[in-house]
Amino acid sequence: MELPVYNEAGEVTGKVEFDPAVLGDKVKRRLLHQAVVMFEARQRAGTVKTKTRAERAGSGKKPWRQKGTGRARAGAKRSPLWRKGGIIWGPKPRDFSYSMPVKARREALRSALLAKFLDKEVKVIDKLDFDAPKTKRIAAMLEKLGVNSKCLVAVKNHNANVWKSIRNIERASLSPVSDLNAYEVLRSGQLIFTRDALQSLPEAVRK
């Protein structure tokens, strides 16, 4: 597969070859679904809380005598049957997160990347070399590249200046190739690789 290489002005400056076979022979949709559910489960706060009758405020005194009043029997003001009483089987704080096997997570990442390459949602830029943070420069580059949807910029190594430049753009995010995961790849409409990041991708997805 030959991919055009762009500069920051959106001009084609060359081509780079990439073999998608290193990502697998097909997109494994069921595995991708499992990976997305896992990542979303990890983001759940799990802080919801209701009080049982033991935790509600109120006296334990019997409201009225058992017989002779014409009213229904009642034993406590904190009964779940009463207004402001306890909640039966209510939700409690819990941890929703769980983990997939490492090999399954790696395979899901390869499938997510393969899907992006097959759908032609990958662009390659020559380099991103910033001496100082400049959000306007990143925004102009994305406009010249025709990236109008949510995008993920993948670089070979973390660069503080590039990260500070891109963090204020709501639809864009930055990640080193070694930190890519299936969830972030799938939720991004476009993937933008620097040339050296793309060349290091086969090694990164094997780790």
C-alpha atoms as a PDB file:
ATOM      1  CA  MET A   1       0.000   0.000   0.000  1.00  0.00           C
ATOM      2  CA  GLU A   2       1.372   3.405  -1.026  1.00  0.00           C
ATOM      3  CA  LEU A   3       0.316   6.407   1.026  1.00  0.00           C
ATOM      4  CA  PRO A   4       0.954  10.037   0.056  1.00  0.00           C
ATOM      5  CA  VAL A   5       3.041  12.070   2.497  1.00  0.00           C
ATOM      6  CA  TYR A   6       1.852  15.627   3.174  1.00  0.00           C
ATOM      7  CA  ASN A   7       3.561  18.643   4.650  1.00  0.00           C
ATOM      8  CA  GLU A   8       1.885  21.134   7.012  1.00  0.00           C
ATOM      9  CA  ALA A   9       0.612  23.135   4.032  1.00  0.00           C
ATOM     10  CA  GLY A  10      -1.333  20.117   2.770  1.00  0.00           C
ATOM     11  CA  GLU A  11       0.978  19.564  -0.203  1.00  0.00           C
ATOM     12  CA  VAL A  12       2.092  16.075  -1.266  1.00  0.00           C
ATOM     13  CA  THR A  13       5.854  15.822  -0.827  1.00  0.00           C
ATOM     14  CA  GLY A  14       6.332  12.114  -1.475  1.00  0.00           C
ATOM     15  CA  LYS A  15       5.035   8.616  -0.830  1.00  0.00           C
ATOM     16  CA  VAL A  16       5.592   5.959   1.786  1.00  0.00           C
ATOM     17  CA  GLU A  17       4.957   2.235   1.541  1.00  0.00           C
ATOM     18  CA  PHE A  18       3.121   0.318   4.233  1.00  0.00           C
ATOM     19  CA  ASP A  19       2.215  -3.358   4.316  1.00  0.00           C
ATOM     20  CA  PRO A  20      -1.185  -3.801   6.068  1.00  0.00           C
ATOM     21  CA  ALA A  21      -0.483  -7.527   6.382  1.00  0.00           C
ATOM     22  CA  VAL A  22       1.434  -6.761   9.617  1.00  0.00           C
ATOM     23  CA  LEU A  23      -1.958  -5.853  11.117  1.00  0.00           C
ATOM     24  CA  GLY A  24      -3.619  -9.157  10.216  1.00  0.00           C
ATOM     25  CA  ASP A  25      -5.630 -10.627   7.394  1.00  0.00           C
ATOM     26  CA  LYS A  26      -9.098  -9.393   8.413  1.00  0.00           C
ATOM     27  CA  VAL A  27     -10.941  -7.056  10.795  1.00  0.00           C
ATOM     28  CA  LYS A  28     -12.177  -9.003  13.820  1.00  0.00           C
ATOM     29  CA  ARG A  29     -15.404  -7.189  14.640  1.00  0.00           C
ATOM     30  CA  ARG A  30     -16.395  -9.295  17.646  1.00  0.00           C
ATOM     31  CA  LEU A  31     -13.026  -8.689  19.280  1.00  0.00           C
ATOM     32  CA  LEU A  32     -13.334  -4.957  18.581  1.00  0.00           C
ATOM     33  CA  HIS A  33     -16.740  -4.943  20.258  1.00  0.00           C
ATOM     34  CA  GLN A  34     -15.297  -6.620  23.332  1.00  0.00           C
ATOM     35  CA  ALA A  35     -12.465  -4.084  23.477  1.00  0.00           C
ATOM     36  CA  VAL A  36     -14.819  -1.097  23.200  1.00  0.00           C
ATOM     37  CA  VAL A  37     -17.105  -2.450  25.936  1.00  0.00           C
ATOM     38  CA  MET A  38     -14.079  -2.997  28.182  1.00  0.00           C
ATOM     39  CA  PHE A  39     -12.733   0.540  27.706  1.00  0.00           C
ATOM     40  CA  GLU A  40     -16.153   2.102  28.268  1.00  0.00           C
ATOM     41  CA  ALA A  41     -16.685  -0.015  31.386  1.00  0.00           C
ATOM     42  CA  ARG A  42     -13.403   1.314  32.763  1.00  0.00           C
ATOM     43  CA  GLN A  43     -14.698   4.865  32.359  1.00  0.00           C
ATOM     44  CA  ARG A  44     -17.800   4.278  34.486  1.00  0.00           C
ATOM     45  CA  ALA A  45     -17.550   6.070  37.818  1.00  0.00           C
ATOM     46  CA  GLY A  46     -19.576   3.534  39.802  1.00  0.00           C
ATOM     47  CA  THR A  47     -20.242   6.088  42.572  1.00  0.00           C
ATOM     48  CA  VAL A  48     -24.049   5.775  42.693  1.00  0.00           C
ATOM     49  CA  LYS A  49     -25.369   5.100  46.210  1.00  0.00           C
ATOM     50  CA  THR A  50     -28.733   4.617  47.907  1.00  0.00           C
ATOM     51  CA  LYS A  51     -29.465   4.086  51.591  1.00  0.00           C
ATOM     52  CA  THR A  52     -30.960   0.966  53.113  1.00  0.00           C
ATOM     53  CA  ARG A  53     -33.406   1.134  56.005  1.00  0.00           C
ATOM     54  CA  ALA A  54     -30.454   0.715  58.374  1.00  0.00           C
ATOM     55  CA  GLU A  55     -28.790   3.852  56.977  1.00  0.00           C
ATOM     56  CA  ARG A  56     -31.846   6.135  56.871  1.00  0.00           C
ATOM     57  CA  ALA A  57     -32.345   8.709  59.624  1.00  0.00           C
ATOM     58  CA  GLY A  58     -35.297   8.159  61.915  1.00  0.00           C
ATOM     59  CA  SER A  59     -36.463   6.481  65.052  1.00  0.00           C
ATOM     60  CA  GLY A  60     -36.882   2.769  65.467  1.00  0.00           C
ATOM     61  CA  LYS A  61     -39.975   3.327  67.542  1.00  0.00           C
ATOM     62  CA  LYS A  62     -43.206   1.739  66.407  1.00  0.00           C
ATOM     63  CA  PRO A  63     -45.357   4.566  64.933  1.00  0.00           C
ATOM     64  CA  TRP A  64     -48.618   3.318  66.492  1.00  0.00           C
ATOM     65  CA  ARG A  65     -49.945   0.298  68.275  1.00  0.00           C
ATOM     66  CA  GLN A  66     -50.456  -2.903  66.367  1.00  0.00           C
ATOM     67  CA  LYS A  67     -54.239  -3.219  66.689  1.00  0.00           C
ATOM     68  CA  GLY A  68     -57.320  -1.118  67.192  1.00  0.00           C
ATOM     69  CA  THR A  69     -56.442   1.981  65.142  1.00  0.00           C
ATOM     70  CA  GLY A  70     -57.976   0.917  61.833  1.00  0.00           C
ATOM     71  CA  ARG A  71     -54.657   1.583  60.107  1.00  0.00           C
ATOM     72  CA  ALA A  72     -52.285  -0.844  58.493  1.00  0.00           C
ATOM     73  CA  ARG A  73     -49.646  -2.437  60.667  1.00  0.00           C
ATOM     74  CA  ALA A  74     -46.367  -0.492  60.809  1.00  0.00           C
ATOM     75  CA  GLY A  75     -43.135  -1.256  62.610  1.00  0.00           C
ATOM     76  CA  ALA A  76     -40.732   1.582  61.751  1.00  0.00           C
ATOM     77  CA  LYS A  77     -40.584   4.931  59.979  1.00  0.00           C
ATOM     78  CA  ARG A  78     -37.572   3.749  57.994  1.00  0.00           C
ATOM     79  CA  SER A  79     -39.512   0.972  56.248  1.00  0.00           C
ATOM     80  CA  PRO A  80     -38.928   0.779  52.470  1.00  0.00           C
ATOM     81  CA  LEU A  81     -42.728   0.979  52.076  1.00  0.00           C
ATOM     82  CA  TRP A  82     -42.792   4.490  53.478  1.00  0.00           C
ATOM     83  CA  ARG A  83     -41.876   7.797  51.888  1.00  0.00           C
ATOM     84  CA  LYS A  84     -38.269   8.692  52.803  1.00  0.00           C
ATOM     85  CA  GLY A  85     -37.719   5.100  53.867  1.00  0.00           C
ATOM     86  CA  GLY A  86     -34.828   2.857  52.859  1.00  0.00           C
ATOM     87  CA  ILE A  87     -34.325   1.478  49.347  1.00  0.00           C
ATOM     88  CA  ILE A  88     -34.578  -2.258  48.719  1.00  0.00           C
ATOM     89  CA  TRP A  89     -31.679  -3.700  46.688  1.00  0.00           C
ATOM     90  CA  GLY A  90     -30.560  -0.222  45.661  1.00  0.00           C
ATOM     91  CA  PRO A  91     -27.274   0.415  43.800  1.00  0.00           C
ATOM     92  CA  LYS A  92     -24.043   0.581  45.778  1.00  0.00           C
ATOM     93  CA  PRO A  93     -20.591   1.920  44.837  1.00  0.00           C
ATOM     94  CA  ARG A  94     -18.802  -0.619  42.683  1.00  0.00           C
ATOM     95  CA  ASP A  95     -15.951  -0.970  40.226  1.00  0.00           C
ATOM     96  CA  PHE A  96     -17.193  -1.812  36.714  1.00  0.00           C
ATOM     97  CA  SER A  97     -13.732  -2.200  35.193  1.00  0.00           C
ATOM     98  CA  TYR A  98     -12.350  -5.507  33.955  1.00  0.00           C
ATOM     99  CA  SER A  99      -9.476  -6.573  31.733  1.00  0.00           C
ATOM    100  CA  MET A 100      -9.101  -8.534  28.532  1.00  0.00           C
ATOM    101  CA  PRO A 101      -6.066 -10.741  27.980  1.00  0.00           C
ATOM    102  CA  VAL A 102      -3.037  -8.820  26.709  1.00  0.00           C
ATOM    103  CA  LYS A 103      -2.951 -10.791  23.451  1.00  0.00           C
ATOM    104  CA  ALA A 104      -6.627 -10.020  22.833  1.00  0.00           C
ATOM    105  CA  ARG A 105      -6.066  -6.288  23.408  1.00  0.00           C
ATOM    106  CA  ARG A 106      -3.144  -6.287  20.969  1.00  0.00           C
ATOM    107  CA  GLU A 107      -5.173  -8.151  18.363  1.00  0.00           C
ATOM    108  CA  ALA A 108      -8.043  -5.675  18.816  1.00  0.00           C
ATOM    109  CA  LEU A 109      -5.642  -2.780  18.223  1.00  0.00           C
ATOM    110  CA  ARG A 110      -4.341  -4.414  15.048  1.00  0.00           C
ATOM    111  CA  SER A 111      -7.903  -4.927  13.799  1.00  0.00           C
ATOM    112  CA  ALA A 112      -8.836  -1.309  14.565  1.00  0.00           C
ATOM    113  CA  LEU A 113      -5.800  -0.015  12.671  1.00  0.00           C
ATOM    114  CA  LEU A 114      -6.438  -2.379   9.760  1.00  0.00           C
ATOM    115  CA  ALA A 115     -10.021  -1.080   9.501  1.00  0.00           C
ATOM    116  CA  LYS A 116      -8.745   2.501   9.271  1.00  0.00           C
ATOM    117  CA  PHE A 117      -6.266   1.616   6.521  1.00  0.00           C
ATOM    118  CA  LEU A 118      -8.871  -0.326   4.539  1.00  0.00           C
ATOM    119  CA  ASP A 119     -11.392   2.535   4.859  1.00  0.00           C
ATOM    120  CA  LYS A 120      -8.740   5.040   3.690  1.00  0.00           C
ATOM    121  CA  GLU A 121      -9.020   7.066   6.880  1.00  0.00           C
ATOM    122  CA  VAL A 122      -5.254   7.393   7.379  1.00  0.00           C
ATOM    123  CA  LYS A 123      -3.088  10.347   6.410  1.00  0.00           C
ATOM    124  CA  VAL A 124       0.692  10.666   6.716  1.00  0.00           C
ATOM    125  CA  ILE A 125       2.464  13.915   7.486  1.00  0.00           C
ATOM    126  CA  ASP A 126       6.180  14.399   6.967  1.00  0.00           C
ATOM    127  CA  LYS A 127       6.962  15.583  10.495  1.00  0.00           C
ATOM    128  CA  LEU A 128       5.755  17.633  13.439  1.00  0.00           C
ATOM    129  CA  ASP A 129       8.614  19.671  14.830  1.00  0.00           C
ATOM    130  CA  PHE A 130       7.575  22.512  17.154  1.00  0.00           C
ATOM    131  CA  ASP A 131       9.992  24.765  19.023  1.00  0.00           C
ATOM    132  CA  ALA A 132       7.132  26.206  21.072  1.00  0.00           C
ATOM    133  CA  PRO A 133       3.410  25.438  21.545  1.00  0.00           C
ATOM    134  CA  LYS A 134       1.263  26.893  18.753  1.00  0.00           C
ATOM    135  CA  THR A 135      -2.382  25.786  18.570  1.00  0.00           C
ATOM    136  CA  LYS A 136      -3.087  27.974  15.534  1.00  0.00           C
ATOM    137  CA  ARG A 137      -0.426  26.102  13.583  1.00  0.00           C
ATOM    138  CA  ILE A 138      -1.991  22.703  14.308  1.00  0.00           C
ATOM    139  CA  ALA A 139      -5.486  24.001  13.481  1.00  0.00           C
ATOM    140  CA  ALA A 140      -4.238  25.376  10.144  1.00  0.00           C
ATOM    141  CA  MET A 141      -2.537  22.062   9.345  1.00  0.00           C
ATOM    142  CA  LEU A 142      -5.730  20.075   9.985  1.00  0.00           C
ATOM    143  CA  GLU A 143      -7.695  22.448   7.777  1.00  0.00           C
ATOM    144  CA  LYS A 144      -5.167  22.118   4.942  1.00  0.00           C
ATOM    145  CA  LEU A 145      -5.301  18.330   5.244  1.00  0.00           C
ATOM    146  CA  GLY A 146      -9.086  18.420   4.978  1.00  0.00           C
ATOM    147  CA  VAL A 147      -9.623  16.817   8.381  1.00  0.00           C
ATOM    148  CA  ASN A 148     -13.066  17.974   9.522  1.00  0.00           C
ATOM    149  CA  SER A 149     -13.985  15.143  11.896  1.00  0.00           C
ATOM    150  CA  LYS A 150     -12.473  13.869  15.124  1.00  0.00           C
ATOM    151  CA  CYS A 151      -8.861  12.877  14.563  1.00  0.00           C
ATOM    152  CA  LEU A 152      -6.000  11.185  16.367  1.00  0.00           C
ATOM    153  CA  VAL A 153      -2.433  12.282  15.665  1.00  0.00           C
ATOM    154  CA  ALA A 154       0.109   9.508  16.233  1.00  0.00           C
ATOM    155  CA  VAL A 155       3.765  10.406  16.770  1.00  0.00           C
ATOM    156  CA  LYS A 156       6.772   8.204  17.384  1.00  0.00           C
ATOM    157  CA  ASN A 157       7.736   9.802  20.710  1.00  0.00           C
ATOM    158  CA  HIS A 158       5.949  12.176  23.054  1.00  0.00           C
ATOM    159  CA  ASN A 159       6.577  15.826  22.231  1.00  0.00           C
ATOM    160  CA  ALA A 160       5.502  18.347  24.883  1.00  0.00           C
ATOM    161  CA  ASN A 161       5.240  21.262  22.456  1.00  0.00           C
ATOM    162  CA  VAL A 162       3.060  19.326  20.007  1.00  0.00           C
ATOM    163  CA  TRP A 163       0.881  18.040  22.847  1.00  0.00           C
ATOM    164  CA  LYS A 164       0.370  21.550  24.225  1.00  0.00           C
ATOM    165  CA  SER A 165      -0.472  22.771  20.736  1.00  0.00           C
ATOM    166  CA  ILE A 166      -3.139  20.150  20.130  1.00  0.00           C
ATOM    167  CA  ARG A 167      -4.777  19.824  23.553  1.00  0.00           C
ATOM    168  CA  ASN A 168      -7.007  22.910  23.075  1.00  0.00           C
ATOM    169  CA  ILE A 169      -8.530  21.541  19.859  1.00  0.00           C
ATOM    170  CA  GLU A 170     -11.618  19.624  20.946  1.00  0.00           C
ATOM    171  CA  ARG A 171     -11.787  17.271  17.974  1.00  0.00           C
ATOM    172  CA  ALA A 172      -8.076  16.364  17.974  1.00  0.00           C
ATOM    173  CA  SER A 173      -5.903  14.297  20.278  1.00  0.00           C
ATOM    174  CA  LEU A 174      -2.283  13.168  20.354  1.00  0.00           C
ATOM    175  CA  SER A 175      -0.748   9.806  21.210  1.00  0.00           C
ATOM    176  CA  PRO A 176       2.625   8.112  20.847  1.00  0.00           C
ATOM    177  CA  VAL A 177       2.427   4.990  18.676  1.00  0.00           C
ATOM    178  CA  SER A 178       3.323   2.806  21.648  1.00  0.00           C
ATOM    179  CA  ASP A 179       0.251   4.074  23.589  1.00  0.00           C
ATOM    180  CA  LEU A 180      -2.382   3.459  20.904  1.00  0.00           C
ATOM    181  CA  ASN A 181      -5.403   1.375  21.850  1.00  0.00           C
ATOM    182  CA  ALA A 182      -8.376   0.028  19.911  1.00  0.00           C
ATOM    183  CA  TYR A 183     -10.907   2.333  21.588  1.00  0.00           C
ATOM    184  CA  GLU A 184      -9.094   5.578  20.768  1.00  0.00           C
ATOM    185  CA  VAL A 185      -8.400   4.446  17.212  1.00  0.00           C
ATOM    186  CA  LEU A 186     -12.042   3.516  16.535  1.00  0.00           C
ATOM    187  CA  ARG A 187     -13.571   6.661  18.031  1.00  0.00           C
ATOM    188  CA  SER A 188     -11.396   8.856  15.799  1.00  0.00           C
ATOM    189  CA  GLY A 189     -12.673   9.599  12.327  1.00  0.00           C
ATOM    190  CA  GLN A 190      -9.175  10.128  10.898  1.00  0.00           C
ATOM    191  CA  LEU A 191      -5.732   8.869  11.863  1.00  0.00           C
ATOM    192  CA  ILE A 192      -2.749  11.097  11.141  1.00  0.00           C
ATOM    193  CA  PHE A 193       0.678   9.472  11.384  1.00  0.00           C
ATOM    194  CA  THR A 194       4.007  11.193  11.152  1.00  0.00           C
ATOM    195  CA  ARG A 195       6.322   9.402   8.737  1.00  0.00           C
ATOM    196  CA  ASP A 196       8.591   8.005  11.461  1.00  0.00           C
ATOM    197  CA  ALA A 197       5.549   6.965  13.539  1.00  0.00           C
ATOM    198  CA  LEU A 198       4.168   4.952  10.612  1.00  0.00           C
ATOM    199  CA  GLN A 199       7.525   3.279  10.060  1.00  0.00           C
ATOM    200  CA  SER A 200       7.660   2.258  13.738  1.00  0.00           C
ATOM    201  CA  LEU A 201       4.051   0.994  13.763  1.00  0.00           C
ATOM    202  CA  PRO A 202       4.799  -2.666  12.861  1.00  0.00           C
ATOM    203  CA  GLU A 203       7.174  -2.969  15.802  1.00  0.00           C
ATOM    204  CA  ALA A 204       4.778  -1.152  18.172  1.00  0.00           C
ATOM    205  CA  VAL A 205       1.792  -3.424  17.462  1.00  0.00           C
ATOM    206  CA  ARG A 206       3.872  -6.556  18.050  1.00  0.00           C
ATOM    207  CA  LYS A 207       4.825  -5.566  21.614  1.00  0.00           C
END
